[in-house]
PDB file of N, CA and C in Angstrom:
ATOM      1  N   MET A   1      -0.413  20.677 -16.146  1.00  0.00           N
ATOM      2  CA  MET A   1      -0.796  20.006 -17.372  1.00  0.00           C
ATOM      3  C   MET A   1      -1.721  20.936 -18.140  1.00  0.00           C
ATOM      4  N   ARG A   2      -1.557  20.938 -19.428  1.00  0.00           N
ATOM      5  CA  ARG A   2      -2.384  21.777 -20.284  1.00  0.00           C
ATOM      6  C   ARG A   2      -3.024  20.941 -21.376  1.00  0.00           C
ATOM      7  N   ASN A   3      -4.073  21.461 -21.983  1.00  0.00           N
ATOM      8  CA  ASN A   3      -4.723  20.807 -23.120  1.00  0.00           C
ATOM      9  C   ASN A   3      -5.093  19.357 -22.819  1.00  0.00           C
ATOM     10  N   LEU A   4      -5.973  19.175 -21.857  1.00  0.00           N
ATOM     11  CA  LEU A   4      -6.407  17.832 -21.497  1.00  0.00           C
ATOM     12  C   LEU A   4      -7.209  17.193 -22.621  1.00  0.00           C
ATOM     13  N   GLU A   5      -6.858  15.963 -22.945  1.00  0.00           N
ATOM     14  CA  GLU A   5      -7.623  15.170 -23.914  1.00  0.00           C
ATOM     15  C   GLU A   5      -8.615  14.286 -23.182  1.00  0.00           C
ATOM     16  N   VAL A   6      -8.171  13.769 -22.043  1.00  0.00           N
ATOM     17  CA  VAL A   6      -8.951  12.818 -21.259  1.00  0.00           C
ATOM     18  C   VAL A   6      -8.884  13.236 -19.801  1.00  0.00           C
ATOM     19  N   MET A   7     -10.045  13.230 -19.134  1.00  0.00           N
ATOM     20  CA  MET A   7     -10.069  13.469 -17.702  1.00  0.00           C
ATOM     21  C   MET A   7     -11.253  12.690 -17.144  1.00  0.00           C
ATOM     22  N   TYR A   8     -10.964  11.785 -16.217  1.00  0.00           N
ATOM     23  CA  TYR A   8     -12.015  10.948 -15.652  1.00  0.00           C
ATOM     24  C   TYR A   8     -11.718  10.689 -14.180  1.00  0.00           C
ATOM     25  N   GLY A   9     -12.656  11.029 -13.308  1.00  0.00           N
ATOM     26  CA  GLY A   9     -12.486  10.783 -11.878  1.00  0.00           C
ATOM     27  C   GLY A   9     -11.401  11.614 -11.238  1.00  0.00           C
ATOM     28  N   VAL A  10     -11.121  12.775 -11.819  1.00  0.00           N
ATOM     29  CA  VAL A  10     -10.039  13.632 -11.345  1.00  0.00           C
ATOM     30  C   VAL A  10     -10.617  14.995 -10.983  1.00  0.00           C
ATOM     31  N   THR A  11     -10.257  15.509  -9.804  1.00  0.00           N
ATOM     32  CA  THR A  11     -10.717  16.822  -9.369  1.00  0.00           C
ATOM     33  C   THR A  11      -9.673  17.891  -9.707  1.00  0.00           C
ATOM     34  N   LYS A  12     -10.035  19.139  -9.543  1.00  0.00           N
ATOM     35  CA  LYS A  12      -9.077  20.232  -9.754  1.00  0.00           C
ATOM     36  C   LYS A  12      -7.918  20.113  -8.766  1.00  0.00           C
ATOM     37  N   LYS A  13      -8.202  19.659  -7.564  1.00  0.00           N
ATOM     38  CA  LYS A  13      -7.143  19.444  -6.567  1.00  0.00           C
ATOM     39  C   LYS A  13      -6.161  18.380  -7.070  1.00  0.00           C
ATOM     40  N   ASP A  14      -6.696  17.305  -7.653  1.00  0.00           N
ATOM     41  CA  ASP A  14      -5.827  16.269  -8.221  1.00  0.00           C
ATOM     42  C   ASP A  14      -4.969  16.850  -9.345  1.00  0.00           C
ATOM     43  N   LEU A  15      -5.575  17.678 -10.191  1.00  0.00           N
ATOM     44  CA  LEU A  15      -4.821  18.302 -11.285  1.00  0.00           C
ATOM     45  C   LEU A  15      -3.675  19.144 -10.741  1.00  0.00           C
ATOM     46  N   ALA A  16      -3.937  19.874  -9.666  1.00  0.00           N
ATOM     47  CA  ALA A  16      -2.883  20.694  -9.054  1.00  0.00           C
ATOM     48  C   ALA A  16      -1.765  19.817  -8.509  1.00  0.00           C
ATOM     49  N   ASN A  17      -2.114  18.650  -7.976  1.00  0.00           N
ATOM     50  CA  ASN A  17      -1.114  17.755  -7.395  1.00  0.00           C
ATOM     51  C   ASN A  17      -0.334  16.958  -8.441  1.00  0.00           C
ATOM     52  N   MET A  18      -0.759  16.995  -9.680  1.00  0.00           N
ATOM     53  CA  MET A  18      -0.069  16.235 -10.727  1.00  0.00           C
ATOM     54  C   MET A  18       1.348  16.732 -10.983  1.00  0.00           C
ATOM     55  N   VAL A  19       1.622  17.961 -10.596  1.00  0.00           N
ATOM     56  CA  VAL A  19       2.983  18.478 -10.799  1.00  0.00           C
ATOM     57  C   VAL A  19       4.002  17.745  -9.933  1.00  0.00           C
ATOM     58  N   THR A  20       3.526  17.066  -8.887  1.00  0.00           N
ATOM     59  CA  THR A  20       4.436  16.316  -8.017  1.00  0.00           C
ATOM     60  C   THR A  20       4.237  14.817  -8.182  1.00  0.00           C
ATOM     61  N   SER A  21       3.776  14.409  -9.357  1.00  0.00           N
ATOM     62  CA  SER A  21       3.507  12.990  -9.598  1.00  0.00           C
ATOM     63  C   SER A  21       4.786  12.153  -9.555  1.00  0.00           C
ATOM     64  N   GLU A  22       4.593  10.878  -9.311  1.00  0.00           N
ATOM     65  CA  GLU A  22       5.683   9.907  -9.267  1.00  0.00           C
ATOM     66  C   GLU A  22       5.710   9.160 -10.595  1.00  0.00           C
ATOM     67  N   SER A  23       6.876   8.805 -11.065  1.00  0.00           N
ATOM     68  CA  SER A  23       6.997   8.075 -12.319  1.00  0.00           C
ATOM     69  C   SER A  23       6.317   6.706 -12.216  1.00  0.00           C
ATOM     70  N   LEU A  24       5.506   6.373 -13.203  1.00  0.00           N
ATOM     71  CA  LEU A  24       4.843   5.069 -13.234  1.00  0.00           C
ATOM     72  C   LEU A  24       5.873   3.945 -13.270  1.00  0.00           C
ATOM     73  N   GLU A  25       7.014   4.204 -13.866  1.00  0.00           N
ATOM     74  CA  GLU A  25       8.086   3.210 -13.945  1.00  0.00           C
ATOM     75  C   GLU A  25       8.561   2.776 -12.549  1.00  0.00           C
ATOM     76  N   SER A  26       8.395   3.645 -11.566  1.00  0.00           N
ATOM     77  CA  SER A  26       8.859   3.333 -10.205  1.00  0.00           C
ATOM     78  C   SER A  26       8.060   2.208  -9.550  1.00  0.00           C
ATOM     79  N   VAL A  27       6.894   1.872 -10.107  1.00  0.00           N
ATOM     80  CA  VAL A  27       6.085   0.788  -9.538  1.00  0.00           C
ATOM     81  C   VAL A  27       5.980  -0.399 -10.498  1.00  0.00           C
ATOM     82  N   ALA A  28       6.927  -0.505 -11.428  1.00  0.00           N
ATOM     83  CA  ALA A  28       6.937  -1.657 -12.341  1.00  0.00           C
ATOM     84  C   ALA A  28       7.008  -2.932 -11.518  1.00  0.00           C
ATOM     85  N   GLY A  29       6.137  -3.878 -11.849  1.00  0.00           N
ATOM     86  CA  GLY A  29       6.064  -5.134 -11.120  1.00  0.00           C
ATOM     87  C   GLY A  29       4.977  -5.141 -10.056  1.00  0.00           C
ATOM     88  N   ALA A  30       4.361  -3.991  -9.829  1.00  0.00           N
ATOM     89  CA  ALA A  30       3.332  -3.883  -8.791  1.00  0.00           C
ATOM     90  C   ALA A  30       1.943  -3.752  -9.404  1.00  0.00           C
ATOM     91  N   THR A  31       0.941  -3.931  -8.560  1.00  0.00           N
ATOM     92  CA  THR A  31      -0.446  -3.693  -8.937  1.00  0.00           C
ATOM     93  C   THR A  31      -0.911  -2.445  -8.199  1.00  0.00           C
ATOM     94  N   ILE A  32      -1.516  -1.518  -8.929  1.00  0.00           N
ATOM     95  CA  ILE A  32      -2.029  -0.294  -8.308  1.00  0.00           C
ATOM     96  C   ILE A  32      -3.529  -0.199  -8.550  1.00  0.00           C
ATOM     97  N   LYS A  33      -4.217   0.450  -7.634  1.00  0.00           N
ATOM     98  CA  LYS A  33      -5.653   0.683  -7.772  1.00  0.00           C
ATOM     99  C   LYS A  33      -5.848   2.106  -8.254  1.00  0.00           C
ATOM    100  N   VAL A  34      -6.396   2.246  -9.448  1.00  0.00           N
ATOM    101  CA  VAL A  34      -6.549   3.540 -10.102  1.00  0.00           C
ATOM    102  C   VAL A  34      -7.998   3.994 -10.007  1.00  0.00           C
ATOM    103  N   LYS A  35      -8.185   5.230  -9.542  1.00  0.00           N
ATOM    104  CA  LYS A  35      -9.534   5.776  -9.437  1.00  0.00           C
ATOM    105  C   LYS A  35      -9.753   6.997 -10.315  1.00  0.00           C
ATOM    106  N   GLY A  36      -8.688   7.489 -10.943  1.00  0.00           N
ATOM    107  CA  GLY A  36      -8.809   8.644 -11.825  1.00  0.00           C
ATOM    108  C   GLY A  36      -7.748   8.618 -12.907  1.00  0.00           C
ATOM    109  N   ILE A  37      -8.087   9.221 -14.043  1.00  0.00           N
ATOM    110  CA  ILE A  37      -7.206   9.198 -15.211  1.00  0.00           C
ATOM    111  C   ILE A  37      -7.199  10.577 -15.862  1.00  0.00           C
ATOM    112  N   ALA A  38      -6.038  10.999 -16.333  1.00  0.00           N
ATOM    113  CA  ALA A  38      -5.941  12.217 -17.135  1.00  0.00           C
ATOM    114  C   ALA A  38      -4.845  12.023 -18.172  1.00  0.00           C
ATOM    115  N   ILE A  39      -5.074  12.578 -19.351  1.00  0.00           N
ATOM    116  CA  ILE A  39      -4.058  12.587 -20.413  1.00  0.00           C
ATOM    117  C   ILE A  39      -4.064  13.982 -21.024  1.00  0.00           C
ATOM    118  N   GLY A  40      -2.884  14.527 -21.210  1.00  0.00           N
ATOM    119  CA  GLY A  40      -2.775  15.847 -21.808  1.00  0.00           C
ATOM    120  C   GLY A  40      -1.346  16.172 -22.156  1.00  0.00           C
ATOM    121  N   MET A  41      -1.157  17.368 -22.645  1.00  0.00           N
ATOM    122  CA  MET A  41       0.177  17.832 -22.993  1.00  0.00           C
ATOM    123  C   MET A  41       0.803  18.500 -21.778  1.00  0.00           C
ATOM    124  N   ASP A  42       2.080  18.247 -21.601  1.00  0.00           N
ATOM    125  CA  ASP A  42       2.834  18.839 -20.500  1.00  0.00           C
ATOM    126  C   ASP A  42       4.234  19.135 -21.020  1.00  0.00           C
ATOM    127  N   LYS A  43       5.089  19.677 -20.179  1.00  0.00           N
ATOM    128  CA  LYS A  43       6.478  19.933 -20.563  1.00  0.00           C
ATOM    129  C   LYS A  43       7.389  19.027 -19.754  1.00  0.00           C
ATOM    130  N   ASP A  44       8.397  18.456 -20.442  1.00  0.00           N
ATOM    131  CA  ASP A  44       9.365  17.627 -19.728  1.00  0.00           C
ATOM    132  C   ASP A  44      10.408  18.528 -19.071  1.00  0.00           C
ATOM    133  N   SER A  45      11.413  17.923 -18.464  1.00  0.00           N
ATOM    134  CA  SER A  45      12.424  18.693 -17.730  1.00  0.00           C
ATOM    135  C   SER A  45      13.241  19.619 -18.634  1.00  0.00           C
ATOM    136  N   ASP A  46      13.232  19.348 -19.953  1.00  0.00           N
ATOM    137  CA  ASP A  46      13.937  20.203 -20.909  1.00  0.00           C
ATOM    138  C   ASP A  46      13.036  21.270 -21.510  1.00  0.00           C
ATOM    139  N   GLY A  47      11.752  21.298 -21.077  1.00  0.00           N
ATOM    140  CA  GLY A  47      10.810  22.277 -21.608  1.00  0.00           C
ATOM    141  C   GLY A  47      10.140  21.840 -22.899  1.00  0.00           C
ATOM    142  N   LYS A  48      10.397  20.612 -23.332  1.00  0.00           N
ATOM    143  CA  LYS A  48       9.813  20.089 -24.568  1.00  0.00           C
ATOM    144  C   LYS A  48       8.388  19.597 -24.295  1.00  0.00           C
ATOM    145  N   GLU A  49       7.458  19.894 -25.218  1.00  0.00           N
ATOM    146  CA  GLU A  49       6.073  19.438 -25.095  1.00  0.00           C
ATOM    147  C   GLU A  49       6.012  17.923 -25.273  1.00  0.00           C
ATOM    148  N   VAL A  50       5.351  17.248 -24.334  1.00  0.00           N
ATOM    149  CA  VAL A  50       5.185  15.795 -24.390  1.00  0.00           C
ATOM    150  C   VAL A  50       3.758  15.438 -23.997  1.00  0.00           C
ATOM    151  N   ARG A  51       3.272  14.350 -24.545  1.00  0.00           N
ATOM    152  CA  ARG A  51       1.968  13.824 -24.168  1.00  0.00           C
ATOM    153  C   ARG A  51       2.181  12.977 -22.916  1.00  0.00           C
ATOM    154  N   CYS A  52       1.400  13.248 -21.897  1.00  0.00           N
ATOM    155  CA  CYS A  52       1.623  12.617 -20.597  1.00  0.00           C
ATOM    156  C   CYS A  52       0.323  12.030 -20.065  1.00  0.00           C
ATOM    157  N   GLY A  53       0.427  10.841 -19.489  1.00  0.00           N
ATOM    158  CA  GLY A  53      -0.714  10.197 -18.854  1.00  0.00           C
ATOM    159  C   GLY A  53      -0.523  10.188 -17.354  1.00  0.00           C
ATOM    160  N   TYR A  54      -1.630  10.364 -16.632  1.00  0.00           N
ATOM    161  CA  TYR A  54      -1.608  10.380 -15.177  1.00  0.00           C
ATOM    162  C   TYR A  54      -2.622   9.379 -14.651  1.00  0.00           C
ATOM    163  N   LEU A  55      -2.208   8.605 -13.667  1.00  0.00           N
ATOM    164  CA  LEU A  55      -3.085   7.651 -13.007  1.00  0.00           C
ATOM    165  C   LEU A  55      -3.185   8.055 -11.541  1.00  0.00           C
ATOM    166  N   LEU A  56      -4.393   8.380 -11.119  1.00  0.00           N
ATOM    167  CA  LEU A  56      -4.639   8.743  -9.738  1.00  0.00           C
ATOM    168  C   LEU A  56      -4.901   7.462  -8.949  1.00  0.00           C
ATOM    169  N   ALA A  57      -3.968   7.120  -8.077  1.00  0.00           N
ATOM    170  CA  ALA A  57      -4.073   5.907  -7.266  1.00  0.00           C
ATOM    171  C   ALA A  57      -4.503   6.287  -5.852  1.00  0.00           C
ATOM    172  N   GLU A  58      -4.599   5.281  -4.998  1.00  0.00           N
ATOM    173  CA  GLU A  58      -5.051   5.507  -3.624  1.00  0.00           C
ATOM    174  C   GLU A  58      -4.168   6.493  -2.865  1.00  0.00           C
ATOM    175  N   ASP A  59      -2.859   6.384  -3.047  1.00  0.00           N
ATOM    176  CA  ASP A  59      -1.951   7.168  -2.220  1.00  0.00           C
ATOM    177  C   ASP A  59      -1.095   8.180  -2.965  1.00  0.00           C
ATOM    178  N   THR A  60      -1.121   8.154  -4.279  1.00  0.00           N
ATOM    179  CA  THR A  60      -0.286   9.088  -5.053  1.00  0.00           C
ATOM    180  C   THR A  60      -0.810   9.195  -6.475  1.00  0.00           C
ATOM    181  N   ILE A  61      -0.162  10.026  -7.262  1.00  0.00           N
ATOM    182  CA  ILE A  61      -0.477  10.168  -8.676  1.00  0.00           C
ATOM    183  C   ILE A  61       0.763   9.738  -9.448  1.00  0.00           C
ATOM    184  N   TYR A  62       0.572   8.826 -10.396  1.00  0.00           N
ATOM    185  CA  TYR A  62       1.669   8.332 -11.224  1.00  0.00           C
ATOM    186  C   TYR A  62       1.574   8.961 -12.610  1.00  0.00           C
ATOM    187  N   SER A  63       2.721   9.204 -13.221  1.00  0.00           N
ATOM    188  CA  SER A  63       2.744   9.783 -14.558  1.00  0.00           C
ATOM    189  C   SER A  63       3.642   8.968 -15.478  1.00  0.00           C
ATOM    190  N   THR A  64       3.332   9.058 -16.780  1.00  0.00           N
ATOM    191  CA  THR A  64       4.140   8.364 -17.779  1.00  0.00           C
ATOM    192  C   THR A  64       4.042   9.071 -19.122  1.00  0.00           C
ATOM    193  N   ILE A  65       5.099   8.956 -19.899  1.00  0.00           N
ATOM    194  CA  ILE A  65       5.073   9.417 -21.283  1.00  0.00           C
ATOM    195  C   ILE A  65       5.203   8.237 -22.240  1.00  0.00           C
ATOM    196  N   SER A  66       5.157   7.029 -21.693  1.00  0.00           N
ATOM    197  CA  SER A  66       5.258   5.813 -22.500  1.00  0.00           C
ATOM    198  C   SER A  66       4.062   5.711 -23.442  1.00  0.00           C
ATOM    199  N   GLU A  67       4.319   5.674 -24.736  1.00  0.00           N
ATOM    200  CA  GLU A  67       3.236   5.574 -25.725  1.00  0.00           C
ATOM    201  C   GLU A  67       2.442   4.282 -25.561  1.00  0.00           C
ATOM    202  N   THR A  68       3.120   3.200 -25.229  1.00  0.00           N
ATOM    203  CA  THR A  68       2.432   1.924 -25.015  1.00  0.00           C
ATOM    204  C   THR A  68       1.468   2.050 -23.839  1.00  0.00           C
ATOM    205  N   ALA A  69       1.919   2.625 -22.743  1.00  0.00           N
ATOM    206  CA  ALA A  69       1.063   2.816 -21.572  1.00  0.00           C
ATOM    207  C   ALA A  69      -0.072   3.789 -21.879  1.00  0.00           C
ATOM    208  N   LEU A  70       0.210   4.858 -22.610  1.00  0.00           N
ATOM    209  CA  LEU A  70      -0.826   5.837 -22.947  1.00  0.00           C
ATOM    210  C   LEU A  70      -1.957   5.211 -23.757  1.00  0.00           C
ATOM    211  N   ARG A  71      -1.635   4.299 -24.658  1.00  0.00           N
ATOM    212  CA  ARG A  71      -2.683   3.620 -25.437  1.00  0.00           C
ATOM    213  C   ARG A  71      -3.614   2.834 -24.525  1.00  0.00           C
ATOM    214  N   SER A  72      -3.073   2.242 -23.478  1.00  0.00           N
ATOM    215  CA  SER A  72      -3.906   1.527 -22.514  1.00  0.00           C
ATOM    216  C   SER A  72      -4.724   2.504 -21.673  1.00  0.00           C
ATOM    217  N   ILE A  73      -4.077   3.533 -21.167  1.00  0.00           N
ATOM    218  CA  ILE A  73      -4.735   4.507 -20.289  1.00  0.00           C
ATOM    219  C   ILE A  73      -5.935   5.153 -20.983  1.00  0.00           C
ATOM    220  N   GLU A  74      -5.837   5.388 -22.281  1.00  0.00           N
ATOM    221  CA  GLU A  74      -6.939   6.000 -23.034  1.00  0.00           C
ATOM    222  C   GLU A  74      -8.236   5.201 -22.913  1.00  0.00           C
ATOM    223  N   MET A  75      -8.141   3.896 -22.737  1.00  0.00           N
ATOM    224  CA  MET A  75      -9.322   3.036 -22.682  1.00  0.00           C
ATOM    225  C   MET A  75      -9.931   2.929 -21.288  1.00  0.00           C
ATOM    226  N   TYR A  76      -9.222   3.327 -20.255  1.00  0.00           N
ATOM    227  CA  TYR A  76      -9.682   3.107 -18.886  1.00  0.00           C
ATOM    228  C   TYR A  76     -11.001   3.802 -18.543  1.00  0.00           C
ATOM    229  N   PRO A  77     -11.220   5.064 -18.935  1.00  0.00           N
ATOM    230  CA  PRO A  77     -12.514   5.674 -18.597  1.00  0.00           C
ATOM    231  C   PRO A  77     -13.699   4.884 -19.165  1.00  0.00           C
ATOM    232  N   GLU A  78     -13.577   4.423 -20.388  1.00  0.00           N
ATOM    233  CA  GLU A  78     -14.656   3.651 -21.008  1.00  0.00           C
ATOM    234  C   GLU A  78     -14.881   2.328 -20.263  1.00  0.00           C
ATOM    235  N   ILE A  79     -13.798   1.670 -19.878  1.00  0.00           N
ATOM    236  CA  ILE A  79     -13.909   0.411 -19.133  1.00  0.00           C
ATOM    237  C   ILE A  79     -14.608   0.667 -17.796  1.00  0.00           C
ATOM    238  N   MET A  80     -14.207   1.722 -17.110  1.00  0.00           N
ATOM    239  CA  MET A  80     -14.786   2.026 -15.806  1.00  0.00           C
ATOM    240  C   MET A  80     -16.274   2.356 -15.920  1.00  0.00           C
ATOM    241  N   GLU A  81     -16.640   3.121 -16.928  1.00  0.00           N
ATOM    242  CA  GLU A  81     -18.052   3.461 -17.137  1.00  0.00           C
ATOM    243  C   GLU A  81     -18.855   2.237 -17.534  1.00  0.00           C
ATOM    244  N   GLU A  82     -18.339   1.478 -18.482  1.00  0.00           N
ATOM    245  CA  GLU A  82     -19.031   0.302 -18.989  1.00  0.00           C
ATOM    246  C   GLU A  82     -19.309  -0.715 -17.887  1.00  0.00           C
ATOM    247  N   GLU A  83     -18.352  -0.886 -16.985  1.00  0.00           N
ATOM    248  CA  GLU A  83     -18.482  -1.893 -15.931  1.00  0.00           C
ATOM    249  C   GLU A  83     -18.884  -1.279 -14.582  1.00  0.00           C
ATOM    250  N   ASN A  84     -19.195   0.036 -14.608  1.00  0.00           N
ATOM    251  CA  ASN A  84     -19.632   0.753 -13.415  1.00  0.00           C
ATOM    252  C   ASN A  84     -18.654   0.558 -12.246  1.00  0.00           C
ATOM    253  N   LEU A  85     -17.376   0.799 -12.517  1.00  0.00           N
ATOM    254  CA  LEU A  85     -16.308   0.618 -11.527  1.00  0.00           C
ATOM    255  C   LEU A  85     -15.855   1.953 -10.964  1.00  0.00           C
ATOM    256  N   LYS A  86     -15.555   1.975  -9.674  1.00  0.00           N
ATOM    257  CA  LYS A  86     -15.003   3.181  -9.040  1.00  0.00           C
ATOM    258  C   LYS A  86     -13.484   3.179  -9.108  1.00  0.00           C
ATOM    259  N   GLU A  87     -12.898   1.993  -9.367  1.00  0.00           N
ATOM    260  CA  GLU A  87     -11.449   1.884  -9.502  1.00  0.00           C
ATOM    261  C   GLU A  87     -11.097   0.678 -10.363  1.00  0.00           C
ATOM    262  N   LEU A  88      -9.912   0.734 -10.928  1.00  0.00           N
ATOM    263  CA  LEU A  88      -9.373  -0.372 -11.725  1.00  0.00           C
ATOM    264  C   LEU A  88      -8.093  -0.862 -11.072  1.00  0.00           C
ATOM    265  N   GLU A  89      -7.921  -2.170 -11.039  1.00  0.00           N
ATOM    266  CA  GLU A  89      -6.642  -2.722 -10.601  1.00  0.00           C
ATOM    267  C   GLU A  89      -5.781  -2.883 -11.845  1.00  0.00           C
ATOM    268  N   ILE A  90      -4.635  -2.231 -11.834  1.00  0.00           N
ATOM    269  CA  ILE A  90      -3.732  -2.209 -12.984  1.00  0.00           C
ATOM    270  C   ILE A  90      -2.398  -2.821 -12.583  1.00  0.00           C
ATOM    271  N   VAL A  91      -1.937  -3.796 -13.364  1.00  0.00           N
ATOM    272  CA  VAL A  91      -0.614  -4.375 -13.169  1.00  0.00           C
ATOM    273  C   VAL A  91       0.346  -3.610 -14.077  1.00  0.00           C
ATOM    274  N   VAL A  92       1.385  -3.059 -13.495  1.00  0.00           N
ATOM    275  CA  VAL A  92       2.394  -2.293 -14.231  1.00  0.00           C
ATOM    276  C   VAL A  92       3.594  -3.204 -14.464  1.00  0.00           C
ATOM    277  N   SER A  93       3.930  -3.422 -15.734  1.00  0.00           N
ATOM    278  CA  SER A  93       5.073  -4.279 -16.064  1.00  0.00           C
ATOM    279  C   SER A  93       6.035  -3.546 -16.982  1.00  0.00           C
ATOM    280  N   LYS A  94       7.258  -4.010 -16.964  1.00  0.00           N
ATOM    281  CA  LYS A  94       8.283  -3.451 -17.847  1.00  0.00           C
ATOM    282  C   LYS A  94       8.746  -4.560 -18.775  1.00  0.00           C
ATOM    283  N   ARG A  95       8.844  -4.247 -20.039  1.00  0.00           N
ATOM    284  CA  ARG A  95       9.343  -5.201 -21.033  1.00  0.00           C
ATOM    285  C   ARG A  95      10.479  -4.550 -21.805  1.00  0.00           C
ATOM    286  N   SER A  96      11.225  -5.383 -22.529  1.00  0.00           N
ATOM    287  CA  SER A  96      12.321  -4.880 -23.368  1.00  0.00           C
ATOM    288  C   SER A  96      12.019  -5.181 -24.825  1.00  0.00           C
ATOM    289  N   SER A  97      12.300  -4.206 -25.675  1.00  0.00           N
ATOM    290  CA  SER A  97      12.122  -4.398 -27.111  1.00  0.00           C
ATOM    291  C   SER A  97      13.278  -5.232 -27.657  1.00  0.00           C
ATOM    292  N   LYS A  98      13.159  -5.653 -28.904  1.00  0.00           N
ATOM    293  CA  LYS A  98      14.249  -6.413 -29.528  1.00  0.00           C
ATOM    294  C   LYS A  98      15.538  -5.612 -29.558  1.00  0.00           C
ATOM    295  N   GLY A  99      15.394  -4.293 -29.611  1.00  0.00           N
ATOM    296  CA  GLY A  99      16.554  -3.410 -29.627  1.00  0.00           C
ATOM    297  C   GLY A  99      17.120  -3.129 -28.245  1.00  0.00           C
ATOM    298  N   GLY A 100      16.493  -3.712 -27.199  1.00  0.00           N
ATOM    299  CA  GLY A 100      16.992  -3.542 -25.843  1.00  0.00           C
ATOM    300  C   GLY A 100      16.419  -2.349 -25.099  1.00  0.00           C
ATOM    301  N   ARG A 101      15.463  -1.653 -25.696  1.00  0.00           N
ATOM    302  CA  ARG A 101      14.847  -0.496 -25.055  1.00  0.00           C
ATOM    303  C   ARG A 101      13.717  -0.965 -24.138  1.00  0.00           C
ATOM    304  N   ASP A 102      13.694  -0.478 -22.900  1.00  0.00           N
ATOM    305  CA  ASP A 102      12.632  -0.828 -21.959  1.00  0.00           C
ATOM    306  C   ASP A 102      11.382   0.003 -22.234  1.00  0.00           C
ATOM    307  N   PHE A 103      10.210  -0.610 -22.025  1.00  0.00           N
ATOM    308  CA  PHE A 103       8.954   0.132 -22.132  1.00  0.00           C
ATOM    309  C   PHE A 103       7.951  -0.455 -21.147  1.00  0.00           C
ATOM    310  N   LEU A 104       6.949   0.338 -20.797  1.00  0.00           N
ATOM    311  CA  LEU A 104       5.938  -0.082 -19.843  1.00  0.00           C
ATOM    312  C   LEU A 104       4.732  -0.685 -20.541  1.00  0.00           C
ATOM    313  N   VAL A 105       4.150  -1.697 -19.921  1.00  0.00           N
ATOM    314  CA  VAL A 105       2.886  -2.270 -20.380  1.00  0.00           C
ATOM    315  C   VAL A 105       1.962  -2.342 -19.162  1.00  0.00           C
ATOM    316  N   LEU A 106       0.689  -2.114 -19.402  1.00  0.00           N
ATOM    317  CA  LEU A 106      -0.296  -2.106 -18.330  1.00  0.00           C
ATOM    318  C   LEU A 106      -1.365  -3.150 -18.628  1.00  0.00           C
ATOM    319  N   PHE A 107      -1.756  -3.890 -17.601  1.00  0.00           N
ATOM    320  CA  PHE A 107      -2.789  -4.908 -17.722  1.00  0.00           C
ATOM    321  C   PHE A 107      -3.889  -4.615 -16.710  1.00  0.00           C
ATOM    322  N   VAL A 108      -5.132  -4.689 -17.154  1.00  0.00           N
ATOM    323  CA  VAL A 108      -6.271  -4.528 -16.256  1.00  0.00           C
ATOM    324  C   VAL A 108      -6.584  -5.878 -15.655  1.00  0.00           C
ATOM    325  N   LYS A 109      -6.684  -5.944 -14.331  1.00  0.00           N
ATOM    326  CA  LYS A 109      -7.033  -7.203 -13.647  1.00  0.00           C
ATOM    327  C   LYS A 109      -8.535  -7.425 -13.716  1.00  0.00           C
TER     328      LYS A 109
END
């Protein structure tokens, strides 16, 4: 990942491990405990620059390029600092637009 905009609760080791992150979509319907957040520019499988969010959970790192999810992820460091939290419980859900396109939504428990 390059050009980090947001980094909270993430070590250099975590940054190195982000290259093997799991898609956030793979845990749609589940609740994950997030202890670190990063947002920055990365390259997709076609080499195209994309804005990517990473959630460091207990057992893995999840990634997403969903703009809806990224808007939520941007607020997590402030929530964690404001409430003095070491982790956030996040419910990952999938919804469909009127046009039939699926997108991710995240809810803080």
